[in-house]
Amino acid sequence: MASAFELKLNKNGQFMFNLKAGNGEIILTSQHYQTKASAEHGIASVKANAPLDAQYDRKTSTSGQPYFSLKAANGESIGRSEMYSSASAMEGGIASVKKNAPDATVKDMTDKAV
């Protein structure tokens, strides 16, 4: 299975996407968007910014778990990772986004039930 962005419509009528690696694991989750076009723009922004290490904010949750946020050129967050067990696992997640996002296909799932 190749990596892919899954574009979805949530139960609140907002759009969002997940970037999934080739093994089907979610490696990045977007914010919620009001329109499908905005979500599609978000996917394009992830593809453009994913290879750039400076666009990643490495963070730690209040419970001490590492995670990261991917920023657009304007500094706004365009995607966030899961919580990781260690900083090295988080770095592996960043490497996976860098590798998978630029060439990932888009699966439009907005016509499917939530």
Protein backbone atom coordinates (compact mmCIF):
# COMPACT_ATOMS: atom_id res chain seq x y z
CA MET A 1 0.00 0.00 0.00
CA ALA A 2 1.37 3.43 -0.94
CA SER A 3 1.14 6.41 1.39
CA ALA A 4 -2.00 8.51 1.03
CA PHE A 5 -3.90 11.46 2.38
CA GLU A 6 -7.44 10.47 3.36
CA LEU A 7 -9.71 13.48 3.01
CA LYS A 8 -12.83 13.13 5.18
CA LEU A 9 -15.96 15.00 6.21
CA ASN A 10 -16.51 14.77 9.97
CA LYS A 11 -19.85 14.57 11.76
CA ASN A 12 -19.78 18.34 12.41
CA GLY A 13 -19.68 19.05 8.66
CA GLN A 14 -16.03 20.05 8.67
CA PHE A 15 -13.27 18.62 6.51
CA MET A 16 -10.00 17.10 7.71
CA PHE A 17 -7.36 14.69 6.50
CA ASN A 18 -4.98 12.05 7.79
CA LEU A 19 -1.68 11.18 6.17
CA LYS A 20 -1.20 7.43 6.29
CA ALA A 21 2.10 5.65 5.72
CA GLY A 22 2.33 2.65 3.42
CA ASN A 23 1.58 0.34 6.36
CA GLY A 24 -1.75 2.14 6.98
CA GLU A 25 -0.60 3.89 10.16
CA ILE A 26 -1.71 7.51 10.62
CA ILE A 27 1.41 9.68 10.77
CA LEU A 28 -0.17 13.16 10.60
CA THR A 29 -3.65 14.54 11.32
CA SER A 30 -4.86 17.91 10.08
CA GLN A 31 -6.83 20.63 11.74
CA HIS A 32 -10.51 20.98 10.79
CA TYR A 33 -11.45 23.08 7.77
CA GLN A 34 -14.73 24.77 6.87
CA THR A 35 -14.51 23.91 3.17
CA LYS A 36 -13.20 21.04 1.09
CA ALA A 37 -11.09 23.48 -0.95
CA SER A 38 -9.38 24.68 2.25
CA ALA A 39 -8.61 21.09 3.25
CA GLU A 40 -7.20 20.40 -0.21
CA HIS A 41 -5.03 23.50 0.15
CA GLY A 42 -3.88 22.10 3.50
CA ILE A 43 -2.83 18.85 1.81
CA ALA A 44 -0.85 20.84 -0.78
CA SER A 45 0.80 22.76 2.05
CA VAL A 46 1.77 19.53 3.85
CA LYS A 47 3.30 18.20 0.64
CA ALA A 48 5.31 21.42 0.18
CA ASN A 49 6.45 21.81 3.80
CA ALA A 50 7.01 18.18 4.84
CA PRO A 51 10.60 17.94 3.49
CA LEU A 52 11.71 21.08 5.41
CA ASP A 53 13.01 20.24 8.89
CA ALA A 54 12.58 23.85 10.07
CA GLN A 55 8.79 23.49 9.60
CA TYR A 56 8.51 20.94 12.43
CA ASP A 57 7.83 22.03 16.00
CA ARG A 58 8.98 19.34 18.37
CA LYS A 59 6.88 19.50 21.52
CA THR A 60 6.14 17.68 24.75
CA SER A 61 2.60 17.17 26.08
CA THR A 62 1.64 18.03 29.65
CA SER A 63 1.93 14.30 30.41
CA GLY A 64 5.53 14.28 29.13
CA GLN A 65 4.97 12.57 25.78
CA PRO A 66 6.79 13.91 22.71
CA TYR A 67 4.85 14.90 19.59
CA PHE A 68 5.30 17.24 16.66
CA SER A 69 3.39 19.83 14.70
CA LEU A 70 4.06 20.63 11.03
CA LYS A 71 3.83 24.34 10.16
CA ALA A 72 3.00 26.06 6.89
CA ALA A 73 5.23 28.82 5.51
CA ASN A 74 3.08 31.37 7.39
CA GLY A 75 3.80 29.62 10.71
CA GLU A 76 0.32 28.13 11.18
CA SER A 77 0.00 24.49 12.16
CA ILE A 78 -1.21 22.27 9.29
CA GLY A 79 -0.85 18.90 10.94
CA ARG A 80 -0.05 17.15 14.17
CA SER A 81 1.34 13.76 15.10
CA GLU A 82 0.22 11.22 17.62
CA MET A 83 1.86 11.10 21.05
CA TYR A 84 5.10 9.13 21.08
CA SER A 85 6.80 7.09 23.78
CA SER A 86 10.20 8.72 23.23
CA ALA A 87 11.95 11.54 21.41
CA SER A 88 13.59 9.03 19.08
CA ALA A 89 10.19 7.56 18.17
CA MET A 90 8.97 11.09 17.43
CA GLU A 91 11.98 11.70 15.17
CA GLY A 92 11.06 8.49 13.35
CA GLY A 93 7.56 9.90 12.84
CA ILE A 94 8.99 13.12 11.40
CA ALA A 95 11.21 11.09 9.06
CA SER A 96 8.15 9.15 7.92
CA VAL A 97 6.19 12.33 7.14
CA LYS A 98 9.19 13.76 5.26
CA LYS A 99 9.44 10.57 3.20
CA ASN A 100 5.74 9.88 2.59
CA ALA A 101 3.96 13.24 2.26
CA PRO A 102 5.49 14.73 -0.92
CA ASP A 103 4.35 11.90 -3.22
CA ALA A 104 1.27 10.68 -1.34
CA THR A 105 -1.94 10.29 -3.31
CA VAL A 106 -5.22 11.80 -2.12
CA LYS A 107 -8.18 9.53 -1.35
CA ASP A 108 -11.33 11.61 -1.31
CA MET A 109 -13.60 9.95 1.24
CA THR A 110 -15.93 12.91 1.74
CA ASP A 111 -18.89 11.05 0.22
CA LYS A 112 -18.62 8.21 2.75
CA ALA A 113 -20.53 8.16 6.02
CA VAL A 114 -18.61 9.27 9.12
